[in-house]
Amino acid sequence: MPLVRIDLSKKHPEGFAQQVGEIVYEVMTAHINVPKDDKFQVITRHDNAELVMPKSYLGIEYSEGIIFIQVTLNEGRTTEIKKKFYKSICEDLVEKLKVRPQDIVINLVEVSKENWSFGNGEMQYAPKEYDVAR
């Protein structure tokens, strides 16, 4: 269960943020083994003053069109899979939405499975020995 947070400027046109979310979801199902319907996203559009970044970092120059994508997901994917994931998101955003590749910042936060509750106050992925007696 990935939880995706997408932060971007309000300067992008209406509906653009949801298109970004759809592209991220499609890449997750295609490249990092996320099941269909496992789509949890928080998409936030910000005033430019709320998006803070350097003019450049590691030789990459950023613009007001920057998009921050943070994905919290279960640990265990290889470096190669992560590289393909980053590249696929970038290629699709550039091709489909004409985003500058320099303006796509992606961060993965890996957690163990017991760090999720999908509702009802339960730890659905925990081994049964960790069930709490009610």
C-alpha atoms as a PDB file:
ATOM      1  CA  MET A   1       0.000   0.000   0.000  1.00  0.00           C
ATOM      2  CA  PRO A   2       1.780   3.065  -1.108  1.00  0.00           C
ATOM      3  CA  LEU A   3       0.663   6.427   0.184  1.00  0.00           C
ATOM      4  CA  VAL A   4       1.516   9.065  -2.396  1.00  0.00           C
ATOM      5  CA  ARG A   5       1.857  12.759  -1.622  1.00  0.00           C
ATOM      6  CA  ILE A   6       2.072  15.137  -4.546  1.00  0.00           C
ATOM      7  CA  ASP A   7       2.855  18.806  -3.953  1.00  0.00           C
ATOM      8  CA  LEU A   8       2.897  21.346  -6.738  1.00  0.00           C
ATOM      9  CA  SER A   9       2.150  24.958  -7.593  1.00  0.00           C
ATOM     10  CA  LYS A  10      -1.339  26.365  -8.048  1.00  0.00           C
ATOM     11  CA  LYS A  11       0.048  27.857 -11.270  1.00  0.00           C
ATOM     12  CA  HIS A  12      -0.488  24.510 -12.992  1.00  0.00           C
ATOM     13  CA  PRO A  13      -3.857  24.343 -14.787  1.00  0.00           C
ATOM     14  CA  GLU A  14      -6.970  22.895 -13.165  1.00  0.00           C
ATOM     15  CA  GLY A  15      -6.961  19.080 -13.343  1.00  0.00           C
ATOM     16  CA  PHE A  16      -3.196  18.903 -13.898  1.00  0.00           C
ATOM     17  CA  ALA A  17      -2.501  17.637 -10.356  1.00  0.00           C
ATOM     18  CA  GLN A  18      -4.957  14.756 -10.766  1.00  0.00           C
ATOM     19  CA  GLN A  19      -3.274  13.833 -14.053  1.00  0.00           C
ATOM     20  CA  VAL A  20       0.067  13.689 -12.237  1.00  0.00           C
ATOM     21  CA  GLY A  21      -1.540  11.411  -9.634  1.00  0.00           C
ATOM     22  CA  GLU A  22      -2.915   9.124 -12.328  1.00  0.00           C
ATOM     23  CA  ILE A  23       0.481   8.837 -14.023  1.00  0.00           C
ATOM     24  CA  VAL A  24       2.186   8.002 -10.712  1.00  0.00           C
ATOM     25  CA  TYR A  25      -0.460   5.352 -10.000  1.00  0.00           C
ATOM     26  CA  GLU A  26      -0.090   3.798 -13.473  1.00  0.00           C
ATOM     27  CA  VAL A  27       3.697   3.597 -13.078  1.00  0.00           C
ATOM     28  CA  MET A  28       3.356   2.050  -9.599  1.00  0.00           C
ATOM     29  CA  THR A  29       1.091  -0.717 -10.896  1.00  0.00           C
ATOM     30  CA  ALA A  30       3.342  -1.334 -13.907  1.00  0.00           C
ATOM     31  CA  HIS A  31       6.773  -1.190 -12.267  1.00  0.00           C
ATOM     32  CA  ILE A  32       6.710  -1.701  -8.501  1.00  0.00           C
ATOM     33  CA  ASN A  33       4.057  -4.404  -8.114  1.00  0.00           C
ATOM     34  CA  VAL A  34       1.312  -2.254  -6.624  1.00  0.00           C
ATOM     35  CA  PRO A  35      -2.056  -4.035  -6.935  1.00  0.00           C
ATOM     36  CA  LYS A  36      -4.967  -2.474  -8.814  1.00  0.00           C
ATOM     37  CA  ASP A  37      -7.217  -0.331  -6.591  1.00  0.00           C
ATOM     38  CA  ASP A  38      -4.342   0.285  -4.163  1.00  0.00           C
ATOM     39  CA  LYS A  39      -4.547   4.017  -4.799  1.00  0.00           C
ATOM     40  CA  PHE A  40      -4.103   6.299  -1.786  1.00  0.00           C
ATOM     41  CA  GLN A  41      -3.007   9.833  -2.695  1.00  0.00           C
ATOM     42  CA  VAL A  42      -2.890  13.250  -1.079  1.00  0.00           C
ATOM     43  CA  ILE A  43      -2.545  15.954  -3.718  1.00  0.00           C
ATOM     44  CA  THR A  44      -1.899  19.506  -2.579  1.00  0.00           C
ATOM     45  CA  ARG A  45      -1.630  22.628  -4.704  1.00  0.00           C
ATOM     46  CA  HIS A  46       0.382  25.433  -3.138  1.00  0.00           C
ATOM     47  CA  ASP A  47       1.063  29.126  -3.531  1.00  0.00           C
ATOM     48  CA  ASN A  48       4.610  29.567  -4.858  1.00  0.00           C
ATOM     49  CA  ALA A  49       5.851  30.882  -1.501  1.00  0.00           C
ATOM     50  CA  GLU A  50       4.917  27.530   0.070  1.00  0.00           C
ATOM     51  CA  LEU A  51       7.217  25.527  -2.217  1.00  0.00           C
ATOM     52  CA  VAL A  52      10.776  26.075  -1.057  1.00  0.00           C
ATOM     53  CA  MET A  53      13.737  24.807  -3.063  1.00  0.00           C
ATOM     54  CA  PRO A  54      17.118  26.086  -4.183  1.00  0.00           C
ATOM     55  CA  LYS A  55      17.560  27.644  -7.601  1.00  0.00           C
ATOM     56  CA  SER A  56      19.768  24.649  -8.366  1.00  0.00           C
ATOM     57  CA  TYR A  57      21.036  21.525  -6.609  1.00  0.00           C
ATOM     58  CA  LEU A  58      23.424  18.841  -7.890  1.00  0.00           C
ATOM     59  CA  GLY A  59      23.634  20.781 -11.157  1.00  0.00           C
ATOM     60  CA  ILE A  60      19.856  20.682 -11.706  1.00  0.00           C
ATOM     61  CA  GLU A  61      18.062  24.020 -12.169  1.00  0.00           C
ATOM     62  CA  TYR A  62      14.486  24.193 -10.866  1.00  0.00           C
ATOM     63  CA  SER A  63      11.528  26.337 -11.900  1.00  0.00           C
ATOM     64  CA  GLU A  64       8.166  27.312 -10.417  1.00  0.00           C
ATOM     65  CA  GLY A  65       6.763  24.241 -12.177  1.00  0.00           C
ATOM     66  CA  ILE A  66       8.460  21.890  -9.704  1.00  0.00           C
ATOM     67  CA  ILE A  67       6.524  18.802  -8.605  1.00  0.00           C
ATOM     68  CA  PHE A  68       7.361  16.962  -5.376  1.00  0.00           C
ATOM     69  CA  ILE A  69       6.294  13.307  -5.313  1.00  0.00           C
ATOM     70  CA  GLN A  70       6.730  11.350  -2.098  1.00  0.00           C
ATOM     71  CA  VAL A  71       5.777   7.694  -1.937  1.00  0.00           C
ATOM     72  CA  THR A  72       5.622   5.812   1.358  1.00  0.00           C
ATOM     73  CA  LEU A  73       5.664   2.079   0.624  1.00  0.00           C
ATOM     74  CA  ASN A  74       6.653  -1.292   2.003  1.00  0.00           C
ATOM     75  CA  GLU A  75      10.381  -1.918   2.029  1.00  0.00           C
ATOM     76  CA  GLY A  76      12.047  -4.527  -0.126  1.00  0.00           C
ATOM     77  CA  ARG A  77      12.290  -3.265  -3.696  1.00  0.00           C
ATOM     78  CA  THR A  78      15.684  -3.412  -5.385  1.00  0.00           C
ATOM     79  CA  THR A  79      17.692  -0.396  -6.465  1.00  0.00           C
ATOM     80  CA  GLU A  80      17.135  -1.389 -10.103  1.00  0.00           C
ATOM     81  CA  ILE A  81      13.354  -1.418  -9.649  1.00  0.00           C
ATOM     82  CA  LYS A  82      13.496   2.002  -7.975  1.00  0.00           C
ATOM     83  CA  LYS A  83      15.620   3.426 -10.806  1.00  0.00           C
ATOM     84  CA  LYS A  84      13.081   2.181 -13.381  1.00  0.00           C
ATOM     85  CA  PHE A  85      10.274   3.633 -11.261  1.00  0.00           C
ATOM     86  CA  TYR A  86      11.886   7.111 -11.149  1.00  0.00           C
ATOM     87  CA  LYS A  87      12.694   7.018 -14.859  1.00  0.00           C
ATOM     88  CA  SER A  88       9.193   5.897 -15.861  1.00  0.00           C
ATOM     89  CA  ILE A  89       7.485   8.607 -13.832  1.00  0.00           C
ATOM     90  CA  CYS A  90       9.798  11.225 -15.324  1.00  0.00           C
ATOM     91  CA  GLU A  91       9.362   9.999 -18.905  1.00  0.00           C
ATOM     92  CA  ASP A  92       5.566   9.834 -18.606  1.00  0.00           C
ATOM     93  CA  LEU A  93       5.243  13.290 -17.007  1.00  0.00           C
ATOM     94  CA  VAL A  94       7.486  14.799 -19.687  1.00  0.00           C
ATOM     95  CA  GLU A  95       5.682  13.046 -22.545  1.00  0.00           C
ATOM     96  CA  LYS A  96       2.077  13.357 -21.388  1.00  0.00           C
ATOM     97  CA  LEU A  97       2.081  16.650 -19.455  1.00  0.00           C
ATOM     98  CA  LYS A  98       5.145  18.446 -20.889  1.00  0.00           C
ATOM     99  CA  VAL A  99       6.765  18.775 -17.436  1.00  0.00           C
ATOM    100  CA  ARG A 100      10.438  19.728 -17.427  1.00  0.00           C
ATOM    101  CA  PRO A 101      12.376  16.638 -16.265  1.00  0.00           C
ATOM    102  CA  GLN A 102      14.420  18.883 -13.969  1.00  0.00           C
ATOM    103  CA  ASP A 103      11.225  19.793 -12.086  1.00  0.00           C
ATOM    104  CA  ILE A 104      10.347  16.250 -11.009  1.00  0.00           C
ATOM    105  CA  VAL A 105      11.574  15.469  -7.485  1.00  0.00           C
ATOM    106  CA  ILE A 106      10.739  11.969  -6.217  1.00  0.00           C
ATOM    107  CA  ASN A 107      11.303  10.614  -2.710  1.00  0.00           C
ATOM    108  CA  LEU A 108      10.609   7.066  -1.507  1.00  0.00           C
ATOM    109  CA  VAL A 109       9.998   6.375   2.182  1.00  0.00           C
ATOM    110  CA  GLU A 110      10.258   2.658   2.885  1.00  0.00           C
ATOM    111  CA  VAL A 111       8.559   1.190   5.944  1.00  0.00           C
ATOM    112  CA  SER A 112       7.978  -2.290   7.308  1.00  0.00           C
ATOM    113  CA  LYS A 113       4.519  -3.784   6.814  1.00  0.00           C
ATOM    114  CA  GLU A 114       3.447  -3.435  10.439  1.00  0.00           C
ATOM    115  CA  ASN A 115       3.555   0.354  10.027  1.00  0.00           C
ATOM    116  CA  TRP A 116       0.215   0.416   8.212  1.00  0.00           C
ATOM    117  CA  SER A 117      -3.381   0.446   9.367  1.00  0.00           C
ATOM    118  CA  PHE A 118      -5.970   0.508   6.595  1.00  0.00           C
ATOM    119  CA  GLY A 119      -8.805   1.252   8.976  1.00  0.00           C
ATOM    120  CA  ASN A 120     -10.664  -0.130  11.992  1.00  0.00           C
ATOM    121  CA  GLY A 121      -7.573   0.432  14.148  1.00  0.00           C
ATOM    122  CA  GLU A 122      -6.153  -2.849  12.862  1.00  0.00           C
ATOM    123  CA  MET A 123      -2.670  -3.768  11.686  1.00  0.00           C
ATOM    124  CA  GLN A 124      -3.747  -5.776   8.640  1.00  0.00           C
ATOM    125  CA  TYR A 125      -0.253  -6.812   7.532  1.00  0.00           C
ATOM    126  CA  ALA A 126       1.051  -7.878  10.951  1.00  0.00           C
ATOM    127  CA  PRO A 127       1.673 -11.540  11.687  1.00  0.00           C
ATOM    128  CA  LYS A 128      -1.112 -13.100  13.748  1.00  0.00           C
ATOM    129  CA  GLU A 129       1.106 -13.418  16.844  1.00  0.00           C
ATOM    130  CA  TYR A 130       0.876  -9.642  17.149  1.00  0.00           C
ATOM    131  CA  ASP A 131      -2.915  -9.552  17.387  1.00  0.00           C
ATOM    132  CA  VAL A 132      -4.102  -7.618  20.415  1.00  0.00           C
ATOM    133  CA  ALA A 133      -6.707  -9.302  22.604  1.00  0.00           C
ATOM    134  CA  ARG A 134      -9.783  -7.117  22.913  1.00  0.00           C
END
